[in-house]
């Protein structure tokens, strides 16, 4: 089956204060801020556009699964297990709310972290095959 949707271009993340959140994302996650106003901040992060949108108090991108567990809606990928462990330690040293590294029974390992608004994000130690291929061809050209 031929893919109809090629990639996710933008993720929207609810936050209380877009300016404070943009600063946090830039300082802690290395995001590049492209635009800010009182309602939103637009940033580049992990080869994707993120809109940090001013939302009502207690809103988050999290959801509750059928077992009653609060879950994340996005997983970031890093290149390898060593990178995952190093990032985990870095996040903890920065005071970012960071869960334990987990083996979930599939390739690689994961951990969950939260932004200051309580939005949960997952980090996985495996790059997707299509991204690895794209990345390899980019570095061959450079």
N, C-alpha and C. Protein backbone atom coordinates (compact mmCIF):
# COMPACT_ATOMS: atom_id res chain seq x y z
N UNK A 1 0.84 -1.18 0.00
CA UNK A 1 0.00 0.00 0.00
C UNK A 1 0.89 1.24 0.00
N UNK A 2 0.62 2.14 -0.88
CA UNK A 2 1.39 3.38 -0.95
C UNK A 2 0.93 4.32 0.16
N UNK A 3 1.92 4.89 0.86
CA UNK A 3 1.60 5.82 1.94
C UNK A 3 0.93 7.07 1.40
N UNK A 4 -0.10 7.50 2.08
CA UNK A 4 -0.78 8.73 1.72
C UNK A 4 -0.28 9.89 2.55
N UNK A 5 0.12 9.61 3.77
CA UNK A 5 0.65 10.64 4.66
C UNK A 5 2.15 10.40 4.79
N UNK A 6 2.94 11.40 4.52
CA UNK A 6 4.39 11.23 4.46
C UNK A 6 5.07 11.41 5.81
N UNK A 7 4.69 12.45 6.56
CA UNK A 7 5.34 12.70 7.85
C UNK A 7 4.44 13.57 8.70
N UNK A 8 4.73 13.59 9.98
CA UNK A 8 4.05 14.52 10.88
C UNK A 8 4.84 15.82 10.80
N UNK A 9 4.18 16.90 10.45
CA UNK A 9 4.86 18.19 10.29
C UNK A 9 4.86 19.02 11.55
N UNK A 10 3.77 18.99 12.30
CA UNK A 10 3.63 19.86 13.45
C UNK A 10 2.95 19.12 14.59
N UNK A 11 3.47 19.33 15.79
CA UNK A 11 2.82 18.83 17.00
C UNK A 11 2.41 20.05 17.82
N UNK A 12 1.22 19.99 18.41
CA UNK A 12 0.71 21.08 19.24
C UNK A 12 0.74 20.62 20.69
N UNK A 13 1.35 21.43 21.55
CA UNK A 13 1.51 21.08 22.95
C UNK A 13 0.88 22.19 23.80
N UNK A 14 -0.09 21.84 24.65
CA UNK A 14 -0.71 22.86 25.50
C UNK A 14 0.21 23.26 26.65
N UNK A 15 0.33 24.56 26.88
CA UNK A 15 1.16 25.09 27.96
C UNK A 15 0.45 26.26 28.62
N UNK A 16 0.85 26.59 29.84
CA UNK A 16 0.26 27.74 30.55
C UNK A 16 0.81 29.06 30.03
N UNK A 17 2.13 29.11 29.80
CA UNK A 17 2.79 30.35 29.39
C UNK A 17 3.75 30.02 28.24
N UNK A 18 3.36 30.34 27.00
CA UNK A 18 4.21 29.98 25.85
C UNK A 18 5.62 30.55 25.92
N UNK A 19 5.78 31.76 26.46
CA UNK A 19 7.12 32.35 26.53
C UNK A 19 8.03 31.61 27.51
N UNK A 20 7.51 31.29 28.71
CA UNK A 20 8.30 30.54 29.67
C UNK A 20 8.59 29.12 29.17
N UNK A 21 7.59 28.50 28.56
CA UNK A 21 7.77 27.14 28.04
C UNK A 21 8.78 27.12 26.90
N UNK A 22 8.71 28.11 26.01
CA UNK A 22 9.66 28.17 24.89
C UNK A 22 11.09 28.26 25.41
N UNK A 23 11.28 29.08 26.43
CA UNK A 23 12.61 29.22 27.02
C UNK A 23 13.07 27.87 27.61
N UNK A 24 12.17 27.17 28.30
CA UNK A 24 12.51 25.87 28.88
C UNK A 24 12.87 24.86 27.79
N UNK A 25 12.06 24.79 26.73
CA UNK A 25 12.33 23.86 25.63
C UNK A 25 13.67 24.18 24.95
N UNK A 26 13.95 25.47 24.78
CA UNK A 26 15.21 25.86 24.15
C UNK A 26 16.41 25.50 25.04
N UNK A 27 16.33 25.85 26.32
CA UNK A 27 17.45 25.61 27.23
C UNK A 27 17.67 24.15 27.56
N UNK A 28 16.60 23.38 27.72
CA UNK A 28 16.73 22.00 28.17
C UNK A 28 16.71 20.95 27.06
N UNK A 29 16.00 21.24 25.97
CA UNK A 29 15.88 20.25 24.90
C UNK A 29 16.59 20.67 23.62
N UNK A 30 17.13 21.88 23.59
CA UNK A 30 17.83 22.35 22.40
C UNK A 30 16.91 22.81 21.29
N UNK A 31 15.66 23.13 21.59
CA UNK A 31 14.72 23.61 20.56
C UNK A 31 15.15 24.99 20.07
N UNK A 32 14.83 25.26 18.82
CA UNK A 32 15.10 26.56 18.21
C UNK A 32 13.78 27.32 18.11
N UNK A 33 13.72 28.48 18.74
CA UNK A 33 12.49 29.28 18.74
C UNK A 33 12.43 30.08 17.44
N UNK A 34 11.33 29.92 16.70
CA UNK A 34 11.14 30.62 15.43
C UNK A 34 10.20 31.81 15.54
N UNK A 35 9.26 31.73 16.48
CA UNK A 35 8.26 32.79 16.61
C UNK A 35 7.64 32.69 18.00
N UNK A 36 7.32 33.85 18.58
CA UNK A 36 6.63 33.88 19.87
C UNK A 36 5.67 35.05 19.91
N UNK A 37 4.52 34.83 20.52
CA UNK A 37 3.63 35.91 20.92
C UNK A 37 2.94 35.44 22.20
N UNK A 38 1.96 36.17 22.69
CA UNK A 38 1.37 35.80 23.98
C UNK A 38 0.54 34.53 23.92
N UNK A 39 0.16 34.10 22.70
CA UNK A 39 -0.70 32.92 22.55
C UNK A 39 0.05 31.64 22.19
N UNK A 40 1.24 31.78 21.61
CA UNK A 40 1.94 30.58 21.13
C UNK A 40 3.42 30.86 20.94
N UNK A 41 4.16 29.77 20.90
CA UNK A 41 5.57 29.80 20.50
C UNK A 41 5.74 28.70 19.46
N UNK A 42 6.42 29.02 18.38
CA UNK A 42 6.67 28.04 17.32
C UNK A 42 8.15 27.71 17.34
N UNK A 43 8.46 26.42 17.42
CA UNK A 43 9.85 26.00 17.55
C UNK A 43 10.16 24.80 16.67
N UNK A 44 11.43 24.68 16.34
CA UNK A 44 11.95 23.48 15.69
C UNK A 44 12.56 22.60 16.76
N UNK A 45 12.16 21.35 16.76
CA UNK A 45 12.69 20.38 17.72
C UNK A 45 12.60 19.00 17.10
N UNK A 46 13.70 18.29 17.07
CA UNK A 46 13.73 16.91 16.57
C UNK A 46 13.19 16.81 15.15
N UNK A 47 13.65 17.71 14.28
CA UNK A 47 13.25 17.70 12.87
C UNK A 47 11.75 17.86 12.67
N UNK A 48 11.11 18.60 13.55
CA UNK A 48 9.67 18.81 13.47
C UNK A 48 9.34 20.18 14.03
N UNK A 49 8.20 20.70 13.64
CA UNK A 49 7.72 21.96 14.18
C UNK A 49 6.81 21.68 15.37
N UNK A 50 7.05 22.39 16.47
CA UNK A 50 6.22 22.28 17.66
C UNK A 50 5.59 23.64 17.94
N UNK A 51 4.28 23.65 18.14
CA UNK A 51 3.57 24.85 18.57
C UNK A 51 3.25 24.67 20.05
N UNK A 52 3.79 25.54 20.87
CA UNK A 52 3.44 25.57 22.29
C UNK A 52 2.29 26.57 22.39
N UNK A 53 1.10 26.07 22.65
CA UNK A 53 -0.12 26.87 22.59
C UNK A 53 -0.65 27.14 24.00
N UNK A 54 -0.94 28.41 24.27
CA UNK A 54 -1.49 28.78 25.58
C UNK A 54 -2.84 28.07 25.75
N UNK A 55 -2.98 27.37 26.86
CA UNK A 55 -4.18 26.55 27.10
C UNK A 55 -4.72 26.83 28.50
N UNK A 56 -5.87 26.30 28.77
CA UNK A 56 -6.48 26.41 30.10
C UNK A 56 -5.61 25.69 31.12
N UNK A 57 -5.74 26.09 32.37
CA UNK A 57 -5.02 25.45 33.48
C UNK A 57 -5.31 23.95 33.48
N UNK A 58 -4.32 23.15 33.78
CA UNK A 58 -4.43 21.68 33.91
C UNK A 58 -4.67 20.94 32.60
N UNK A 59 -4.51 21.60 31.45
CA UNK A 59 -4.55 20.90 30.17
C UNK A 59 -3.18 20.28 29.91
N UNK A 60 -3.15 19.14 29.24
CA UNK A 60 -1.88 18.55 28.82
C UNK A 60 -2.13 17.69 27.59
N UNK A 61 -1.05 17.27 26.97
CA UNK A 61 -1.12 16.39 25.80
C UNK A 61 -1.26 14.93 26.22
N UNK A 62 -1.30 14.66 27.50
CA UNK A 62 -1.38 13.29 28.01
C UNK A 62 -2.80 12.74 27.86
N UNK A 63 -2.92 11.44 27.93
CA UNK A 63 -4.23 10.80 27.93
C UNK A 63 -4.21 9.61 28.88
N UNK A 64 -5.37 9.14 29.24
CA UNK A 64 -5.50 8.00 30.14
C UNK A 64 -5.88 6.77 29.33
N UNK A 65 -5.09 5.71 29.47
CA UNK A 65 -5.40 4.48 28.73
C UNK A 65 -6.52 3.71 29.44
N UNK A 66 -6.94 2.61 28.85
CA UNK A 66 -8.07 1.86 29.38
C UNK A 66 -7.82 1.23 30.74
N UNK A 67 -6.54 1.15 31.15
CA UNK A 67 -6.21 0.63 32.47
C UNK A 67 -6.10 1.73 33.52
N UNK A 68 -6.33 2.97 33.09
CA UNK A 68 -6.27 4.10 34.03
C UNK A 68 -4.90 4.73 34.17
N UNK A 69 -3.95 4.36 33.29
CA UNK A 69 -2.60 4.92 33.35
C UNK A 69 -2.50 6.16 32.48
N UNK A 70 -1.91 7.24 33.02
CA UNK A 70 -1.68 8.43 32.22
C UNK A 70 -0.52 8.15 31.27
N UNK A 71 -0.73 8.47 29.99
CA UNK A 71 0.23 8.12 28.94
C UNK A 71 0.71 9.36 28.19
N UNK A 72 1.84 9.24 27.54
CA UNK A 72 2.41 10.27 26.67
C UNK A 72 1.82 10.11 25.28
N UNK A 73 1.92 11.18 24.48
CA UNK A 73 1.41 11.10 23.12
C UNK A 73 2.51 11.17 22.07
N UNK A 74 3.76 11.42 22.48
CA UNK A 74 4.87 11.51 21.53
C UNK A 74 6.08 10.75 22.05
N UNK A 75 6.79 10.10 21.13
CA UNK A 75 8.06 9.45 21.45
C UNK A 75 9.15 10.08 20.60
N UNK A 76 10.21 10.55 21.26
CA UNK A 76 11.40 11.03 20.57
C UNK A 76 12.35 9.86 20.41
N UNK A 77 13.12 9.85 19.32
CA UNK A 77 14.11 8.81 19.08
C UNK A 77 15.50 9.38 19.24
N UNK A 78 16.40 8.59 19.82
CA UNK A 78 17.82 8.93 19.88
C UNK A 78 18.60 7.81 19.23
N UNK A 79 19.86 8.07 18.90
CA UNK A 79 20.66 7.10 18.15
C UNK A 79 21.48 6.21 19.07
N UNK A 80 20.82 5.21 19.62
CA UNK A 80 21.53 4.19 20.38
C UNK A 80 21.35 4.26 21.88
N UNK A 81 21.66 3.14 22.50
CA UNK A 81 21.45 2.96 23.93
C UNK A 81 22.36 3.88 24.76
N UNK A 82 23.61 4.08 24.32
CA UNK A 82 24.51 4.96 25.05
C UNK A 82 23.97 6.39 25.06
N UNK A 83 23.46 6.83 23.93
CA UNK A 83 22.87 8.16 23.84
C UNK A 83 21.68 8.29 24.77
N UNK A 84 20.86 7.25 24.82
CA UNK A 84 19.69 7.26 25.71
C UNK A 84 20.13 7.41 27.17
N UNK A 85 21.10 6.62 27.59
CA UNK A 85 21.57 6.68 28.98
C UNK A 85 22.19 8.04 29.31
N UNK A 86 22.97 8.59 28.37
CA UNK A 86 23.58 9.90 28.59
C UNK A 86 22.53 10.99 28.69
N UNK A 87 21.53 10.94 27.82
CA UNK A 87 20.46 11.94 27.86
C UNK A 87 19.65 11.83 29.15
N UNK A 88 19.40 10.62 29.59
CA UNK A 88 18.68 10.38 30.83
C UNK A 88 19.42 11.04 32.00
N UNK A 89 20.72 10.84 32.07
CA UNK A 89 21.52 11.45 33.14
C UNK A 89 21.53 12.98 33.02
N UNK A 90 21.64 13.48 31.80
CA UNK A 90 21.62 14.93 31.59
C UNK A 90 20.30 15.53 32.06
N UNK A 91 19.18 14.91 31.66
CA UNK A 91 17.86 15.42 32.08
C UNK A 91 17.74 15.43 33.60
N UNK A 92 18.18 14.35 34.25
CA UNK A 92 18.11 14.30 35.71
C UNK A 92 18.96 15.40 36.33
N UNK A 93 20.15 15.64 35.78
CA UNK A 93 21.03 16.68 36.33
C UNK A 93 20.46 18.08 36.12
N UNK A 94 19.62 18.25 35.10
CA UNK A 94 18.97 19.54 34.85
C UNK A 94 17.71 19.73 35.72
N UNK A 95 17.35 18.69 36.46
CA UNK A 95 16.16 18.78 37.30
C UNK A 95 14.87 18.51 36.56
N UNK A 96 14.97 17.94 35.36
CA UNK A 96 13.77 17.58 34.59
C UNK A 96 13.15 16.34 35.22
N UNK A 97 11.85 16.36 35.41
CA UNK A 97 11.15 15.18 35.95
C UNK A 97 11.34 14.04 34.94
N UNK A 98 12.08 13.02 35.35
CA UNK A 98 12.50 11.95 34.45
C UNK A 98 12.23 10.60 35.09
N UNK A 99 11.56 9.71 34.36
CA UNK A 99 11.30 8.37 34.84
C UNK A 99 12.51 7.46 34.67
N UNK A 100 12.39 6.25 35.16
CA UNK A 100 13.47 5.27 35.05
C UNK A 100 13.56 4.75 33.61
N UNK A 101 14.74 4.26 33.24
CA UNK A 101 14.91 3.62 31.94
C UNK A 101 14.23 2.27 32.00
N UNK A 102 13.46 1.97 30.95
CA UNK A 102 12.64 0.75 30.92
C UNK A 102 12.98 -0.14 29.73
N UNK A 103 12.89 -1.42 29.94
CA UNK A 103 12.90 -2.41 28.86
C UNK A 103 11.45 -2.83 28.70
N UNK A 104 10.82 -2.46 27.60
CA UNK A 104 9.39 -2.72 27.39
C UNK A 104 9.13 -3.98 26.57
N UNK A 105 10.16 -4.78 26.35
CA UNK A 105 9.97 -6.03 25.65
C UNK A 105 10.10 -5.93 24.14
N UNK A 106 10.49 -4.79 23.64
CA UNK A 106 10.76 -4.63 22.21
C UNK A 106 12.18 -4.11 22.06
N UNK A 107 12.61 -3.90 20.83
CA UNK A 107 13.98 -3.42 20.61
C UNK A 107 14.22 -2.12 21.36
N UNK A 108 15.41 -1.99 21.91
CA UNK A 108 15.80 -0.76 22.58
C UNK A 108 15.21 -0.58 23.96
N UNK A 109 15.47 0.58 24.53
CA UNK A 109 14.95 0.93 25.84
C UNK A 109 14.36 2.33 25.78
N UNK A 110 13.58 2.69 26.79
CA UNK A 110 12.85 3.95 26.81
C UNK A 110 12.90 4.59 28.19
N UNK A 111 12.63 5.89 28.23
CA UNK A 111 12.28 6.57 29.47
C UNK A 111 11.31 7.70 29.16
N UNK A 112 10.60 8.13 30.18
CA UNK A 112 9.61 9.19 30.04
C UNK A 112 10.10 10.41 30.81
N UNK A 113 9.87 11.60 30.24
CA UNK A 113 10.16 12.84 30.96
C UNK A 113 8.98 13.78 30.80
N UNK A 114 8.94 14.82 31.64
CA UNK A 114 7.85 15.80 31.61
C UNK A 114 8.39 17.20 31.44
N UNK A 115 7.62 18.03 30.73
CA UNK A 115 7.93 19.45 30.68
C UNK A 115 7.33 20.12 31.91
N UNK A 116 7.55 21.40 32.14
CA UNK A 116 7.04 22.06 33.35
C UNK A 116 5.52 22.08 33.46
N UNK A 117 4.80 21.87 32.34
CA UNK A 117 3.34 21.85 32.36
C UNK A 117 2.78 20.46 32.57
N UNK A 118 3.66 19.46 32.76
CA UNK A 118 3.21 18.10 33.00
C UNK A 118 2.97 17.29 31.74
N UNK A 119 3.31 17.85 30.55
CA UNK A 119 3.22 17.07 29.32
C UNK A 119 4.29 16.00 29.35
N UNK A 120 3.86 14.74 29.19
CA UNK A 120 4.79 13.62 29.20
C UNK A 120 5.27 13.32 27.79
N UNK A 121 6.56 12.99 27.68
CA UNK A 121 7.16 12.59 26.42
C UNK A 121 8.00 11.35 26.67
N UNK A 122 8.07 10.50 25.67
CA UNK A 122 8.84 9.27 25.74
C UNK A 122 10.11 9.47 24.93
N UNK A 123 11.19 8.77 25.31
CA UNK A 123 12.43 8.75 24.55
C UNK A 123 12.78 7.29 24.31
N UNK A 124 13.09 6.95 23.07
CA UNK A 124 13.40 5.58 22.67
C UNK A 124 14.80 5.54 22.09
N UNK A 125 15.53 4.50 22.37
CA UNK A 125 16.94 4.39 21.96
C UNK A 125 17.13 3.96 20.51
N UNK A 126 16.07 3.80 19.76
CA UNK A 126 16.18 3.29 18.39
C UNK A 126 15.68 4.31 17.39
N UNK A 127 16.48 4.61 16.38
CA UNK A 127 16.01 5.45 15.27
C UNK A 127 15.20 4.60 14.32
N UNK A 128 14.13 5.16 13.78
CA UNK A 128 13.32 4.42 12.81
C UNK A 128 14.16 4.14 11.56
N UNK A 129 13.94 3.00 10.90
CA UNK A 129 14.74 2.63 9.73
C UNK A 129 14.72 3.69 8.62
N UNK A 130 13.57 4.30 8.37
CA UNK A 130 13.51 5.30 7.30
C UNK A 130 14.32 6.55 7.66
N UNK A 131 14.34 6.93 8.93
CA UNK A 131 15.13 8.09 9.34
C UNK A 131 16.61 7.77 9.29
N UNK A 132 16.98 6.55 9.70
CA UNK A 132 18.39 6.14 9.63
C UNK A 132 18.89 6.21 8.20
N UNK A 133 18.07 5.73 7.28
CA UNK A 133 18.43 5.73 5.86
C UNK A 133 18.59 7.16 5.35
N UNK A 134 17.63 8.03 5.69
CA UNK A 134 17.67 9.42 5.26
C UNK A 134 18.89 10.11 5.86
N UNK A 135 19.15 9.86 7.11
CA UNK A 135 20.29 10.47 7.81
C UNK A 135 21.60 10.02 7.19
N UNK A 136 21.72 8.74 6.88
CA UNK A 136 22.96 8.20 6.29
C UNK A 136 23.21 8.84 4.92
N UNK A 137 22.16 8.97 4.11
CA UNK A 137 22.36 9.57 2.78
C UNK A 137 22.72 11.04 2.90
N UNK A 138 22.22 11.74 3.89
CA UNK A 138 22.56 13.15 4.10
C UNK A 138 24.05 13.27 4.42
N UNK A 139 24.55 12.42 5.32
CA UNK A 139 25.97 12.52 5.70
C UNK A 139 26.91 12.06 4.59
N UNK A 140 26.42 11.23 3.68
CA UNK A 140 27.23 10.84 2.53
C UNK A 140 27.43 12.02 1.59
N UNK A 141 26.41 12.90 1.51
CA UNK A 141 26.47 14.05 0.62
C UNK A 141 27.32 15.17 1.18
N UNK A 142 27.42 15.25 2.52
CA UNK A 142 28.14 16.37 3.15
C UNK A 142 29.62 16.18 3.15
